Amino acid sequence: MAWNESTSSLAEELECPVCLDFFKDPVMLDCGHNMCRACILGYLNNQGSVLCPECRAVVSGPGSLKPNRVLRNLADKARELKLTDNLPCELQGPTAPPQECGFQSPSFGTGELCCRKHGEQLKLFCETDRKLVCLICQDERQHKGHSFKPVNEAAQSCKEELNRALQFLLSDNHAVQSVEKDQQAELSRIQDRSGWLLVDITTQFAELHEYLRRREEELKRDLKAAERRALEPMERNLQRIQRELGDRTEQARELQDSQSITQPVAYLKWWSETGSPIMEELKEKAPCGPATDEWEIVTISGYESKLKTLSVIPGSLSLGPYETHLQFFIWKEMLKVIRRVPQRLTMEDCSLSLKVSRDGLSTRQIDRDQDQPHKHHHAPPAIVQTEARFDQGLHAQSREKFTSGSHYWEVEVGGKSDWAVGIKMEKIQEREAKWYQKVVHFFSRHNYLLLVFSDDKNFRINAFSVDIPILPGARPRKVGVYLDCEKAQVSFYNADDMSHIYTHNECFAKGIAAYFNPGPYLAGRNAEPLTVCCY
C-alpha cells in the first residue's frame, strides 16, 4: 500500500535518532529530544555521559530521563499500522521479519533484494543518498537531481574505494607502528639514561661522603692529639698541686688535733715528736729578703706559703683557621679531588673599546677622558643615547673553541648595571645562498646566544638576534654557562646558589667560543670588569 508524503513524514518523526527504528519506551532528555530508553542507557553504561545526537547537549545521567507516554503510544500505533512500509528503499526481502529496535547487521539471504515500497528489484544505487533504489524510486521527487549507478558498477566502485582505503590504512598503520616502536625505544633510552644518572649521582656523592668522612676523622684525630699535648703538662702540675695540698691538709689536721691536748707533759711530748718538725718544715723555706712575688704569702711569724712554688699552667687548644672557617677550607680542599670544575677560560678582545687583563681572566671598557662628558655636553641626544645602548660587537671571546663534549664556566658580573654573557658561533654559508644572503653573511659572520642584563633591572635572552624577556628568581653576582655540544643546548645558572635561569636548544655551528660583554661605559658607572671565576 502506498502512503502520501505526510504519512511518510509522520513515520520519520516516530524514529529514534540512535537506532533509526520506531521508538520503544521513549524517554525525553533535558534538551527536549527523545530516544529509546535502551539506546540511551546503553551509551550511558558504556561511557558514563554522552551528548544528545540532535543538539549535542550533555546527558547527565539516568535520573534525568523522563518517560514520554504520548510518543510511546503513537509509536506503538504506527507499528501496528505497519507504517514501516512507507520508508523508501530499505533493504528488506519480501518475507523479512519485523526489525527490532537497534542497528541490524548487513547480512541478507540469497534471494533478490526488493524495494519494500514498490516491490521492485533494487537495480540502482543512489550516490547522493548512498542507498539502493528501484527504477520507480529513481523517478520520485525525493530523488530528483540525484546521481545513480547500476548496482554492479557501484559495487565495483565501492570495492575499489575500499581497497584504496585498506591499502592506505595498512600503510599508515605500519608507519604508526614504526613511530610506536621508535617511541618505545626512546622511552627505554630515557629510562636507561635515568638509571645510569642515578647510579652516577650515587657514586659521586659516595665519593664526596667518603672524602668528608675521612677528613672528619682526620680533624678529630688532630684535635685529640692537640688535646693530649695541652693536657699532659696541666695534669702533671695538677698532680703536684694535689700532693702538696694533701701534705698541707694532713699537717693542718695534726695541728688542729693538738689543741685538744690539755696536759702540759702530753702536749710537750707531742710537740717534740710531731709539732716541732712541722713548724720547722713550714719555716725552713722562708725567704731571707722581702717578698716580691704577688702570690707569696708570708705570715708575721715567717711561715712560707706554697703558692710561690705552685701555679696554674695555662692551656691552649686551637685548630687555627679550621676552627672558624672549617667548611670553607674543606670546600677548597675538595676542589683537589673533584674531577671536573668550571673551566678556566682565557679571553681575547674583539673590540678596540675593550681591554683584557694580562692574565686573560677579565675584560672591561677602556677608560674615557675625565673631561669627555664636558666635551659632549652639547652633543645631540641621539649620540648620548647610542652610548647607553647594548652593543653586541663590544665583547671579548675565549681563545678556547668548543666543537664537542660538555663545558661549564662561571663569570663574575658583580653589581654591574649592564652586561651580557653566552656563546658566539661562526655562521655556515649555504652553497646556494642568494646574493643578498651572501652580503649579510659578509658583514655578520657570527651568531650569538646570550643572557643580557640591562638598565640595572631587565633580563632577556638574545638568541640569534631575537630577544626573549625572562624573569630570574634573583639577581646573580656570578653567572654559570653550561654548553652541551652533543645536545645543542645552552643553559644559564645563577652561580651564587646554582638556581636555573634559562635553557635554549638550537642547532649549533662550528667554532663555538665563550662571549663576554661588559656593557656600555655609562660615564664610568658601569666600568667594573667581567671576570672568569677560577677554582
Protein backbone atom coordinates (compact mmCIF):
# COMPACT_ATOMS: atom_id res chain seq x y z
CA MET A 1 0.00 0.00 0.00
CA ALA A 2 1.38 3.45 -0.98
CA TRP A 3 1.23 6.31 1.50
CA ASN A 4 1.33 10.05 0.89
CA GLU A 5 4.18 12.31 1.90
CA SER A 6 2.56 13.45 5.13
CA THR A 7 2.33 9.88 6.34
CA SER A 8 5.98 9.38 5.42
CA SER A 9 6.95 12.50 7.40
CA LEU A 10 4.94 11.25 10.39
CA ALA A 11 6.77 7.93 10.28
CA GLU A 12 10.14 9.72 10.27
CA GLU A 13 9.14 11.74 13.36
CA LEU A 14 8.49 8.46 15.18
CA GLU A 15 12.02 7.14 14.52
CA CYS A 16 14.69 7.01 17.25
CA PRO A 17 17.75 9.06 16.14
CA VAL A 18 20.04 6.33 17.52
CA CYS A 19 18.61 3.03 16.21
CA LEU A 20 16.61 4.64 13.33
CA ASP A 21 13.61 2.45 14.17
CA PHE A 22 10.26 3.25 15.78
CA PHE A 23 10.54 4.36 19.39
CA LYS A 24 10.39 1.68 22.06
CA ASP A 25 9.78 3.02 25.57
CA PRO A 26 10.82 6.56 24.51
CA VAL A 27 12.29 8.97 27.09
CA MET A 28 12.77 12.74 26.88
CA LEU A 29 16.18 14.32 27.60
CA ASP A 30 16.74 17.63 29.37
CA CYS A 31 17.23 19.27 25.97
CA GLY A 32 13.73 18.16 24.81
CA HIS A 33 14.72 15.48 22.29
CA ASN A 34 13.54 11.86 22.50
CA MET A 35 15.09 8.43 22.02
CA CYS A 36 14.61 4.81 23.10
CA ARG A 37 15.40 4.14 26.73
CA ALA A 38 17.51 1.12 25.76
CA CYS A 39 19.57 3.20 23.31
CA ILE A 40 20.45 6.00 25.72
CA LEU A 41 21.07 3.66 28.67
CA GLY A 42 23.42 1.59 26.53
CA TYR A 43 25.58 4.65 25.87
CA LEU A 44 25.42 5.79 29.50
CA ASN A 45 26.53 2.38 30.78
CA ASN A 46 29.48 2.32 28.40
CA GLN A 47 30.67 5.93 28.63
CA GLY A 48 29.14 7.44 31.78
CA SER A 49 27.98 10.56 29.91
CA VAL A 50 27.01 11.17 26.28
CA LEU A 51 25.88 14.01 24.07
CA CYS A 52 22.44 14.33 22.56
CA PRO A 53 22.70 13.22 18.87
CA GLU A 54 20.35 16.02 17.86
CA CYS A 55 21.78 19.13 19.61
CA ARG A 56 25.00 17.80 21.28
CA ALA A 57 23.78 18.77 24.75
CA VAL A 58 25.22 16.75 27.64
CA VAL A 59 23.05 13.93 29.03
CA SER A 60 23.88 13.92 32.73
CA GLY A 61 22.56 10.52 33.83
CA PRO A 62 19.65 8.04 34.03
CA GLY A 63 17.94 10.20 36.63
CA SER A 64 17.38 12.97 34.08
CA LEU A 65 15.41 10.75 31.65
CA LYS A 66 11.63 11.42 31.58
CA PRO A 67 9.22 8.84 30.05
CA ASN A 68 7.25 10.16 27.05
CA ARG A 69 3.99 8.17 27.14
CA VAL A 70 2.32 10.10 24.31
CA LEU A 71 5.18 9.37 21.94
CA ARG A 72 5.24 5.74 23.05
CA ASN A 73 1.53 5.33 22.21
CA LEU A 74 1.99 6.93 18.79
CA ALA A 75 4.96 4.69 18.01
CA ASP A 76 3.02 1.61 19.06
CA LYS A 77 0.07 2.61 16.84
CA ALA A 78 2.38 3.24 13.90
CA ARG A 79 3.98 -0.14 14.40
CA GLU A 80 0.54 -1.79 14.41
CA LEU A 81 -0.42 0.01 11.16
CA LYS A 82 2.89 -1.12 9.62
CA LEU A 83 3.96 2.36 8.72
CA THR A 84 7.39 0.93 8.02
CA ASP A 85 6.10 0.15 4.51
CA ASN A 86 6.27 3.89 3.89
CA LEU A 87 10.05 4.03 4.39
CA PRO A 88 11.65 4.28 0.92
CA CYS A 89 14.18 1.75 -0.33
CA GLU A 90 15.01 -0.10 2.89
CA LEU A 91 16.87 -3.35 2.42
CA GLN A 92 14.33 -5.98 3.32
CA GLY A 93 13.19 -9.13 1.46
CA PRO A 94 9.57 -9.91 0.77
CA THR A 95 9.31 -12.16 3.83
CA ALA A 96 11.71 -10.28 6.14
CA PRO A 97 10.68 -10.41 9.80
CA PRO A 98 9.92 -7.16 11.61
CA GLN A 99 13.11 -5.37 12.75
CA GLU A 100 13.87 -4.89 16.40
CA CYS A 101 14.90 -1.52 17.83
CA GLY A 102 18.58 -1.04 17.19
CA PHE A 103 21.10 -1.43 14.39
CA GLN A 104 20.91 -4.56 12.22
CA SER A 105 23.94 -6.26 10.68
CA PRO A 106 24.04 -6.08 6.84
CA SER A 107 23.60 -9.80 6.21
CA PHE A 108 20.99 -10.93 3.70
CA GLY A 109 19.64 -14.09 2.15
CA THR A 110 20.46 -15.35 -1.27
CA GLY A 111 17.21 -14.11 -2.86
CA GLU A 112 16.83 -10.86 -4.81
CA LEU A 113 16.53 -7.76 -2.69
CA CYS A 114 13.36 -5.81 -3.36
CA CYS A 115 12.14 -2.32 -2.66
CA ARG A 116 9.71 -2.51 0.28
CA LYS A 117 7.82 0.46 -1.10
CA HIS A 118 7.33 -0.69 -4.68
CA GLY A 119 8.19 -4.37 -4.59
CA GLU A 120 10.66 -3.89 -7.47
CA GLN A 121 14.20 -5.26 -7.64
CA LEU A 122 16.89 -2.89 -6.37
CA LYS A 123 18.91 -2.33 -9.54
CA LEU A 124 20.29 1.16 -8.91
CA PHE A 125 22.44 2.83 -6.25
CA CYS A 126 21.72 6.48 -5.37
CA GLU A 127 25.17 8.06 -4.90
CA THR A 128 23.61 11.16 -3.37
CA ASP A 129 21.71 9.33 -0.60
CA ARG A 130 24.05 6.30 -0.70
CA LYS A 131 21.07 3.91 -0.81
CA LEU A 132 19.84 1.09 -3.04
CA VAL A 133 16.74 2.09 -5.01
CA CYS A 134 14.47 0.60 -7.66
CA LEU A 135 13.71 2.06 -11.07
CA ILE A 136 10.46 3.61 -9.78
CA CYS A 137 12.23 5.30 -6.86
CA GLN A 138 14.60 6.90 -9.37
CA ASP A 139 11.74 8.98 -10.79
CA GLU A 140 10.33 10.12 -7.45
CA ARG A 141 10.60 13.71 -6.30
CA GLN A 142 12.78 12.87 -3.30
CA HIS A 143 15.49 11.57 -5.69
CA LYS A 144 15.17 14.39 -8.21
CA GLY A 145 18.58 15.55 -9.43
CA HIS A 146 20.42 12.68 -7.73
CA SER A 147 23.20 10.66 -9.32
CA PHE A 148 22.61 6.93 -9.88
CA LYS A 149 24.76 3.96 -10.87
CA PRO A 150 23.91 0.33 -11.70
CA VAL A 151 24.47 -1.86 -8.66
CA ASN A 152 27.35 -3.79 -10.27
CA GLU A 153 29.20 -0.64 -11.23
CA ALA A 154 28.50 0.97 -7.87
CA ALA A 155 29.65 -2.15 -6.04
CA GLN A 156 32.85 -2.20 -8.08
CA SER A 157 33.50 1.47 -7.30
CA CYS A 158 32.91 0.82 -3.61
CA LYS A 159 35.28 -2.14 -3.68
CA GLU A 160 37.95 -0.05 -5.38
CA GLU A 161 37.50 2.73 -2.83
CA LEU A 162 37.58 0.15 -0.04
CA ASN A 163 40.82 -1.34 -1.42
CA ARG A 164 42.41 2.09 -1.61
CA ALA A 165 41.31 2.83 1.95
CA LEU A 166 42.55 -0.58 3.08
CA GLN A 167 45.96 -0.07 1.45
CA PHE A 168 46.21 3.39 2.98
CA LEU A 169 45.18 2.06 6.39
CA LEU A 170 47.67 -0.80 6.25
CA SER A 171 50.46 1.53 5.15
CA ASP A 172 49.52 4.15 7.71
CA ASN A 173 49.27 1.54 10.47
CA HIS A 174 52.73 0.29 9.51
CA ALA A 175 54.05 3.85 9.82
CA VAL A 176 52.28 4.30 13.14
CA GLN A 177 53.77 1.01 14.34
CA SER A 178 57.19 2.32 13.36
CA VAL A 179 56.52 5.52 15.32
CA GLU A 180 55.30 3.42 18.25
CA LYS A 181 58.49 1.35 18.10
CA ASP A 182 60.63 4.47 17.99
CA GLN A 183 58.72 5.99 20.91
CA GLN A 184 59.15 2.79 22.94
CA ALA A 185 62.86 2.82 22.12
CA GLU A 186 63.11 6.48 23.16
CA LEU A 187 61.20 5.72 26.35
CA SER A 188 63.57 2.83 27.12
CA ARG A 189 66.56 5.05 26.34
CA ILE A 190 65.38 7.74 28.75
CA GLN A 191 64.71 5.11 31.42
CA ASP A 192 68.19 3.64 30.89
CA ARG A 193 69.68 7.13 30.93
CA SER A 194 67.84 7.94 34.15
CA GLY A 195 69.10 4.72 35.72
CA TRP A 196 72.67 5.46 34.67
CA LEU A 197 72.46 9.02 36.01
CA LEU A 198 71.00 7.71 39.27
CA VAL A 199 73.96 5.36 39.69
CA ASP A 200 76.39 8.14 38.73
CA ILE A 201 74.83 10.54 41.25
CA THR A 202 75.02 7.90 43.96
CA THR A 203 78.66 7.15 43.09
CA GLN A 204 79.76 10.78 43.03
CA PHE A 205 78.02 11.60 46.28
CA ALA A 206 79.51 8.45 47.81
CA GLU A 207 82.97 9.76 46.86
CA LEU A 208 82.19 13.12 48.45
CA HIS A 209 80.77 11.45 51.54
CA GLU A 210 83.85 9.25 51.80
CA TYR A 211 86.17 12.25 51.48
CA LEU A 212 84.21 14.24 54.06
CA ARG A 213 84.10 11.26 56.42
CA ARG A 214 87.86 10.72 56.09
CA ARG A 215 88.64 14.42 56.64
CA GLU A 216 86.26 14.48 59.60
CA GLU A 217 88.13 11.57 61.20
CA GLU A 218 91.50 13.22 60.46
CA LEU A 219 90.41 16.50 62.04
CA LYS A 220 89.03 14.66 65.07
CA ARG A 221 92.35 12.81 65.45
CA ASP A 222 94.26 16.10 65.14
CA LEU A 223 92.02 17.63 67.78
CA LYS A 224 92.54 14.69 70.16
CA ALA A 225 96.32 14.88 69.66
CA ALA A 226 96.30 18.64 70.36
CA GLU A 227 94.16 17.98 73.41
CA ARG A 228 96.65 15.40 74.74
CA ARG A 229 99.58 17.75 74.18
CA ALA A 230 97.77 20.53 76.05
CA LEU A 231 96.55 18.34 78.92
CA GLU A 232 99.78 16.43 79.76
CA PRO A 233 101.67 19.33 81.48
CA MET A 234 98.50 20.53 83.15
CA GLU A 235 97.77 17.05 84.50
CA ARG A 236 101.32 16.73 85.88
CA ASN A 237 101.02 20.14 87.55
CA LEU A 238 97.60 19.22 88.94
CA GLN A 239 99.04 16.04 90.48
CA ARG A 240 101.83 18.06 92.11
CA ILE A 241 99.34 20.60 93.47
CA GLN A 242 97.19 17.78 94.84
CA ARG A 243 100.22 16.17 96.55
CA GLU A 244 101.22 19.44 98.17
CA LEU A 245 97.65 20.12 99.18
CA GLY A 246 97.35 16.64 100.67
CA ASP A 247 100.51 17.11 102.74
CA ARG A 248 99.43 20.53 103.94
CA THR A 249 95.96 19.24 104.76
CA GLU A 250 97.49 16.45 106.88
CA GLN A 251 99.70 18.98 108.68
CA ALA A 252 96.71 21.22 109.38
CA ARG A 253 94.81 18.24 110.80
CA GLU A 254 97.77 17.40 113.10
CA LEU A 255 97.92 20.96 114.36
CA GLN A 256 94.17 21.09 114.93
CA ASP A 257 94.20 17.81 116.86
CA SER A 258 96.93 19.12 119.17
CA GLN A 259 94.59 21.74 120.54
CA SER A 260 92.63 19.02 122.30
CA ILE A 261 95.69 18.05 124.45
CA THR A 262 95.25 19.68 127.88
CA GLN A 263 98.13 18.08 129.88
CA PRO A 264 101.39 20.04 129.55
CA VAL A 265 103.50 16.87 129.67
CA ALA A 266 101.49 15.20 126.93
CA TYR A 267 101.47 18.42 124.88
CA LEU A 268 105.26 18.84 125.09
CA LYS A 269 105.75 15.20 124.14
CA TRP A 270 103.55 15.77 121.05
CA TRP A 271 105.49 18.98 120.34
CA SER A 272 108.81 17.20 120.43
CA GLU A 273 107.71 14.33 118.25
CA THR A 274 105.30 15.97 115.79
CA GLY A 275 104.64 19.66 116.25
CA SER A 276 108.22 20.96 116.17
CA PRO A 277 109.12 19.15 112.84
CA ILE A 278 106.02 20.57 111.25
CA MET A 279 106.95 24.07 112.40
CA GLU A 280 110.47 23.67 111.10
CA GLU A 281 109.18 22.45 107.73
CA LEU A 282 106.95 25.47 107.42
CA LYS A 283 109.81 27.82 108.33
CA GLU A 284 112.75 26.23 106.53
CA LYS A 285 111.85 27.66 103.12
CA ALA A 286 111.09 31.15 104.32
CA PRO A 287 112.78 33.81 102.11
CA CYS A 288 115.69 35.79 103.50
CA GLY A 289 114.79 39.01 101.75
CA PRO A 290 111.47 40.80 101.35
CA ALA A 291 108.72 39.00 99.34
CA THR A 292 108.34 40.21 95.80
CA ASP A 293 106.07 37.55 94.30
CA GLU A 294 102.46 38.64 94.36
CA TRP A 295 101.37 35.05 95.08
CA GLU A 296 103.75 34.64 98.10
CA ILE A 297 102.04 34.92 101.41
CA VAL A 298 104.32 35.15 104.50
CA THR A 299 102.81 35.37 107.97
CA ILE A 300 104.10 37.59 110.74
CA SER A 301 105.91 34.57 112.19
CA GLY A 302 107.77 33.97 108.91
CA TYR A 303 105.89 30.93 107.57
CA GLU A 304 106.10 30.50 103.82
CA SER A 305 103.13 29.81 101.51
CA LYS A 306 103.32 27.09 98.86
CA LEU A 307 101.85 29.49 96.30
CA LYS A 308 105.39 30.55 95.50
CA THR A 309 106.26 27.18 94.05
CA LEU A 310 102.80 26.26 92.76
CA SER A 311 100.97 27.97 89.87
CA VAL A 312 98.35 27.30 87.20
CA ILE A 313 99.76 26.28 83.85
CA PRO A 314 97.51 27.89 81.18
CA GLY A 315 96.26 25.67 78.37
CA SER A 316 95.82 26.50 74.68
CA LEU A 317 93.82 24.49 72.15
CA SER A 318 93.13 25.73 68.63
CA LEU A 319 92.56 24.35 65.13
CA GLY A 320 93.69 27.56 63.52
CA PRO A 321 91.54 28.62 60.53
CA TYR A 322 89.69 25.30 60.64
CA GLU A 323 88.14 26.48 63.90
CA THR A 324 86.27 29.40 62.33
CA HIS A 325 86.35 28.62 58.57
CA LEU A 326 86.08 24.85 58.64
CA GLN A 327 83.54 24.48 55.84
CA PHE A 328 85.34 26.93 53.55
CA PHE A 329 88.73 25.21 53.97
CA ILE A 330 87.24 21.76 53.45
CA TRP A 331 85.46 23.05 50.34
CA LYS A 332 88.78 24.34 48.98
CA GLU A 333 90.41 21.00 49.75
CA MET A 334 87.61 19.20 47.93
CA LEU A 335 88.41 21.09 44.72
CA LYS A 336 91.56 18.94 44.53
CA VAL A 337 89.55 15.72 44.47
CA ILE A 338 86.60 16.93 42.34
CA ARG A 339 87.13 15.55 38.86
CA ARG A 340 85.54 18.44 36.96
CA VAL A 341 85.45 22.09 37.98
CA PRO A 342 84.42 25.18 35.99
CA GLN A 343 86.80 25.71 33.09
CA ARG A 344 89.42 28.42 33.32
CA LEU A 345 88.99 30.32 30.09
CA THR A 346 91.36 32.91 28.65
CA MET A 347 89.89 36.00 27.00
CA GLU A 348 90.96 37.80 23.85
CA ASP A 349 89.48 41.17 22.93
CA CYS A 350 87.36 41.61 19.81
CA SER A 351 86.82 45.35 20.13
CA LEU A 352 89.11 48.39 20.26
CA SER A 353 86.93 49.80 23.05
CA LEU A 354 87.84 46.95 25.44
CA LYS A 355 90.96 45.84 27.21
CA VAL A 356 91.74 42.40 28.59
CA SER A 357 93.81 41.87 31.73
CA ARG A 358 97.30 40.41 31.46
CA ASP A 359 96.19 37.05 32.83
CA GLY A 360 93.30 36.98 30.32
CA LEU A 361 90.69 36.43 33.04
CA SER A 362 88.83 39.76 32.93
CA THR A 363 87.76 42.43 30.48
CA ARG A 364 86.43 45.96 30.80
CA GLN A 365 85.91 49.12 28.76
CA ILE A 366 88.79 51.44 28.08
CA ASP A 367 88.62 54.41 30.46
CA ARG A 368 87.29 57.62 28.88
CA ASP A 369 88.83 61.05 29.44
CA GLN A 370 87.60 62.76 32.55
CA ASP A 371 86.58 65.81 30.58
CA GLN A 372 84.83 63.85 27.88
CA PRO A 373 81.33 64.48 29.31
CA HIS A 374 82.07 68.23 29.13
CA LYS A 375 83.25 67.96 25.55
CA HIS A 376 79.99 66.36 24.53
CA HIS A 377 77.81 68.42 26.81
CA HIS A 378 76.13 69.97 23.79
CA ALA A 379 76.07 66.78 21.70
CA PRO A 380 72.74 65.77 20.15
CA PRO A 381 70.55 63.45 22.25
CA ALA A 382 70.99 60.63 19.72
CA ILE A 383 74.73 60.47 20.42
CA VAL A 384 74.21 60.27 24.18
CA GLN A 385 71.60 57.53 23.83
CA THR A 386 73.73 55.43 21.47
CA GLU A 387 76.47 55.12 24.09
CA ALA A 388 73.95 53.62 26.52
CA ARG A 389 72.60 51.02 24.11
CA PHE A 390 73.61 47.37 24.15
CA ASP A 391 76.32 46.81 21.52
CA GLN A 392 76.67 43.17 20.54
CA GLY A 393 80.05 43.83 18.93
CA LEU A 394 81.53 45.26 22.16
CA HIS A 395 82.84 41.98 23.54
CA ALA A 396 85.72 39.66 24.25
CA GLN A 397 85.73 35.96 23.45
CA SER A 398 87.55 32.92 24.75
CA ARG A 399 90.65 31.71 22.98
CA GLU A 400 89.36 28.19 23.54
CA LYS A 401 86.94 26.90 20.89
CA PHE A 402 84.37 24.18 21.54
CA THR A 403 83.26 21.59 18.98
CA SER A 404 82.21 18.61 21.10
CA GLY A 405 81.57 17.50 24.64
CA SER A 406 80.07 19.46 27.53
CA HIS A 407 81.62 22.56 29.08
CA TYR A 408 80.84 24.81 32.06
CA TRP A 409 82.32 28.14 33.10
CA GLU A 410 81.39 30.92 35.51
CA VAL A 411 81.61 34.68 35.07
CA GLU A 412 81.57 37.20 37.91
CA VAL A 413 79.29 40.10 36.96
CA GLY A 414 79.15 41.66 40.42
CA GLY A 415 76.90 44.72 40.73
CA LYS A 416 77.23 45.90 37.11
CA SER A 417 74.13 47.53 35.66
CA ASP A 418 74.68 46.20 32.11
CA TRP A 419 76.42 43.06 30.82
CA ALA A 420 75.99 40.03 28.57
CA VAL A 421 77.49 36.53 28.62
CA GLY A 422 76.93 33.46 26.49
CA ILE A 423 78.38 31.88 23.34
CA LYS A 424 79.47 33.06 19.90
CA MET A 425 79.24 30.82 16.82
CA GLU A 426 80.52 31.01 13.28
CA LYS A 427 77.85 31.09 10.60
CA ILE A 428 77.82 28.48 7.86
CA GLN A 429 77.03 29.95 4.45
CA GLU A 430 74.84 27.78 2.26
CA ARG A 431 76.23 26.93 -1.16
CA GLU A 432 73.11 28.08 -2.96
CA ALA A 433 72.67 31.26 -0.95
CA LYS A 434 71.27 34.26 -2.80
CA TRP A 435 73.38 37.38 -3.36
CA TYR A 436 71.78 39.38 -0.56
CA GLN A 437 72.30 36.46 1.85
CA LYS A 438 75.97 36.46 0.92
CA VAL A 439 76.14 40.19 1.63
CA VAL A 440 74.55 39.69 5.08
CA HIS A 441 76.96 36.84 5.76
CA PHE A 442 79.91 39.03 4.78
CA PHE A 443 79.00 41.76 7.29
CA SER A 444 77.79 39.38 10.03
CA ARG A 445 79.80 36.20 10.21
CA HIS A 446 78.66 35.09 13.67
CA ASN A 447 75.55 34.11 15.60
CA TYR A 448 75.11 34.80 19.30
CA LEU A 449 73.19 33.15 22.14
CA LEU A 450 73.36 35.47 25.14
CA LEU A 451 71.98 36.22 28.59
CA VAL A 452 71.67 40.03 28.65
CA PHE A 453 71.15 42.30 31.68
CA SER A 454 70.43 45.98 31.01
CA ASP A 455 69.25 49.16 32.71
CA ASP A 456 70.08 47.63 36.11
CA LYS A 457 66.81 45.64 36.07
CA ASN A 458 65.92 43.90 32.78
CA PHE A 459 66.90 40.34 31.85
CA ARG A 460 66.48 38.83 28.38
CA ILE A 461 67.79 36.05 26.19
CA ASN A 462 69.21 37.22 22.87
CA ALA A 463 69.03 34.12 20.66
CA PHE A 464 70.22 34.71 17.10
CA SER A 465 69.17 38.39 17.31
CA VAL A 466 65.73 37.52 18.74
CA ASP A 467 65.03 38.92 22.24
CA ILE A 468 63.16 36.75 24.76
CA PRO A 469 62.30 38.57 28.05
CA ILE A 470 62.81 36.44 31.18
CA LEU A 471 62.37 36.88 34.94
CA PRO A 472 65.09 35.13 37.01
CA GLY A 473 64.34 34.45 40.65
CA ALA A 474 67.17 36.64 41.94
CA ARG A 475 69.83 38.93 40.52
CA PRO A 476 73.06 36.91 40.24
CA ARG A 477 76.54 38.15 41.05
CA LYS A 478 78.00 35.14 39.28
CA VAL A 479 76.57 33.53 36.14
CA GLY A 480 77.23 29.93 35.15
CA VAL A 481 77.11 28.91 31.47
CA TYR A 482 76.68 25.23 30.55
CA LEU A 483 77.27 24.18 26.92
CA ASP A 484 76.39 20.69 25.67
CA CYS A 485 77.56 20.39 22.07
CA GLU A 486 76.04 16.95 21.51
CA LYS A 487 72.58 18.04 22.65
CA ALA A 488 72.94 21.50 21.07
CA GLN A 489 71.92 23.05 24.37
CA VAL A 490 72.99 26.10 26.36
CA SER A 491 71.85 26.69 29.95
CA PHE A 492 72.38 29.70 32.21
CA TYR A 493 72.54 29.44 36.02
CA ASN A 494 72.74 31.77 38.98
CA ALA A 495 76.13 30.52 40.20
CA ASP A 496 75.53 32.02 43.65
CA ASP A 497 73.03 29.27 44.50
CA MET A 498 73.05 27.19 41.24
CA SER A 499 69.41 28.03 40.51
CA HIS A 500 68.39 27.59 36.86
CA ILE A 501 67.76 30.74 34.80
CA TYR A 502 67.10 29.58 31.21
CA THR A 503 67.86 26.76 28.75
CA HIS A 504 67.89 27.19 24.97
CA ASN A 505 68.10 24.42 22.36
CA GLU A 506 69.44 25.26 18.92
CA CYS A 507 71.44 23.68 16.09
CA PHE A 508 74.97 24.94 16.66
CA ALA A 509 77.54 25.67 14.01
CA LYS A 510 81.26 25.04 14.30
CA GLY A 511 83.73 27.27 16.13
CA ILE A 512 81.86 27.96 19.36
CA ALA A 513 83.55 30.39 21.78
CA ALA A 514 82.58 31.91 25.11
CA TYR A 515 81.26 35.50 24.88
CA PHE A 516 81.89 38.31 27.39
CA ASN A 517 80.32 41.77 27.04
CA PRO A 518 80.94 44.25 29.91
CA GLY A 519 78.22 46.56 28.60
CA PRO A 520 78.33 50.31 27.87
CA TYR A 521 80.67 52.57 29.83
CA LEU A 522 77.86 54.85 31.09
CA ALA A 523 80.25 57.65 32.11
CA GLY A 524 82.10 55.29 34.45
CA ARG A 525 79.01 53.97 36.26
CA ASN A 526 79.42 50.56 34.61
CA ALA A 527 83.21 50.36 34.42
CA GLU A 528 83.68 47.21 36.56
CA PRO A 529 85.18 44.26 34.67
CA LEU A 530 83.70 40.88 33.82
CA THR A 531 85.90 38.17 35.34
CA VAL A 532 86.17 34.44 34.68
CA CYS A 533 85.92 32.61 38.01
CA CYS A 534 88.80 30.25 38.84
CA TYR A 535 88.74 27.44 41.40
